[in-house]
Amino acid sequence: MVKVIKKRGSVEEFKPAKIKKSLEKAAIDAGYSVDEKKEIINSVYATINKKLDEKEEIKTDTIKVCLLSELDKCEPYIAHSWRNFEKRYKS
């Protein structure tokens, strides 16, 4: 099972549901319904999970970079919305 290294150094087991929930929230924040972007959410989710299956450990920042690069390819507006959210609430 993949271990996720959090920003403050703690380690937890990878929980794929967190990825999907984050993608859904980003789509909603971008002004879409989850149903409108379900195909894109599922595609990005599958791609990220496939990449993570190859790892034993991964940092949360690496996961975020992978997610945003996939979103930039297929749905840049959602990626933009995600970045704006992070600027407002995580800076």
Protein backbone atom coordinates (compact mmCIF):
# COMPACT_ATOMS: atom_id res chain seq x y z
CA MET A 1 0.00 0.00 0.00
CA VAL A 2 1.21 3.49 -0.85
CA LYS A 3 2.19 5.72 2.06
CA VAL A 4 1.59 9.46 1.84
CA ILE A 5 4.07 11.82 3.46
CA LYS A 6 2.20 14.87 4.70
CA LYS A 7 3.64 18.41 4.67
CA ARG A 8 4.54 18.27 8.35
CA GLY A 9 6.26 14.91 8.04
CA SER A 10 3.55 12.57 9.29
CA VAL A 11 2.84 9.47 7.22
CA GLU A 12 -0.55 7.93 6.48
CA GLU A 13 -1.96 5.28 4.23
CA PHE A 14 -3.06 6.49 0.80
CA LYS A 15 -6.83 6.99 0.64
CA PRO A 16 -8.01 7.20 -2.98
CA ALA A 17 -11.37 8.61 -1.91
CA LYS A 18 -9.61 11.83 -0.83
CA ILE A 19 -8.38 12.36 -4.39
CA LYS A 20 -11.85 11.91 -5.87
CA LYS A 21 -13.42 14.20 -3.26
CA SER A 22 -10.82 16.90 -3.99
CA LEU A 23 -11.51 16.68 -7.71
CA GLU A 24 -15.26 16.93 -7.11
CA LYS A 25 -14.81 19.98 -4.86
CA ALA A 26 -12.58 21.66 -7.45
CA ALA A 27 -15.19 21.07 -10.18
CA ILE A 28 -17.92 22.55 -7.99
CA ASP A 29 -15.72 25.52 -7.07
CA ALA A 30 -15.15 26.08 -10.80
CA GLY A 31 -18.92 26.37 -11.28
CA TYR A 32 -19.69 22.89 -12.60
CA SER A 33 -21.78 20.11 -11.15
CA VAL A 34 -20.08 16.80 -10.42
CA ASP A 35 -22.35 15.17 -13.00
CA GLU A 36 -21.23 17.64 -15.71
CA LYS A 37 -17.58 16.77 -15.16
CA LYS A 38 -17.94 13.18 -14.00
CA GLU A 39 -16.05 11.79 -17.00
CA ILE A 40 -13.11 14.15 -16.50
CA ILE A 41 -13.06 13.54 -12.74
CA ASN A 42 -13.02 9.78 -13.29
CA SER A 43 -10.32 10.04 -15.95
CA VAL A 44 -7.99 12.17 -13.82
CA TYR A 45 -8.72 10.00 -10.78
CA ALA A 46 -7.82 6.82 -12.71
CA THR A 47 -4.63 8.36 -14.11
CA ILE A 48 -3.45 9.50 -10.67
CA ASN A 49 -4.24 6.15 -9.07
CA LYS A 50 -2.31 4.37 -11.80
CA LYS A 51 0.72 6.61 -11.21
CA LEU A 52 0.51 6.11 -7.45
CA ASP A 53 0.30 2.32 -7.75
CA GLU A 54 3.90 2.42 -8.93
CA LYS A 55 5.11 4.11 -5.71
CA GLU A 56 5.73 2.99 -2.16
CA GLU A 57 5.81 6.51 -0.72
CA ILE A 58 4.77 9.86 -2.13
CA LYS A 59 4.61 13.41 -0.81
CA THR A 60 1.33 15.31 -0.81
CA ASP A 61 2.95 18.05 -2.91
CA THR A 62 3.81 15.48 -5.58
CA ILE A 63 0.22 14.26 -5.63
CA LYS A 64 -0.99 17.85 -6.03
CA VAL A 65 1.42 18.51 -8.91
CA CYS A 66 0.25 15.33 -10.68
CA LEU A 67 -3.40 16.27 -10.21
CA LEU A 68 -2.92 19.80 -11.48
CA SER A 69 -0.89 18.72 -14.51
CA GLU A 70 -3.62 16.23 -15.47
CA LEU A 71 -6.31 18.87 -14.97
CA ASP A 72 -4.30 21.38 -17.03
CA LYS A 73 -4.40 18.91 -19.93
CA CYS A 74 -8.10 18.14 -19.91
CA GLU A 75 -9.89 20.85 -17.91
CA PRO A 76 -7.74 23.94 -17.29
CA TYR A 77 -10.56 25.93 -15.71
CA ILE A 78 -10.87 23.41 -12.87
CA ALA A 79 -7.08 23.50 -12.39
CA HIS A 80 -7.23 27.30 -12.26
CA SER A 81 -10.03 27.14 -9.69
CA TRP A 82 -7.98 24.70 -7.57
CA ARG A 83 -4.97 27.05 -7.61
CA ASN A 84 -7.16 30.03 -6.66
CA PHE A 85 -8.61 28.08 -3.75
CA GLU A 86 -5.12 27.27 -2.50
CA LYS A 87 -4.03 30.91 -2.78
CA ARG A 88 -7.03 32.10 -0.77
CA TYR A 89 -7.19 29.47 1.93
CA LYS A 90 -3.83 27.76 2.23
CA SER A 91 -1.37 30.64 2.00
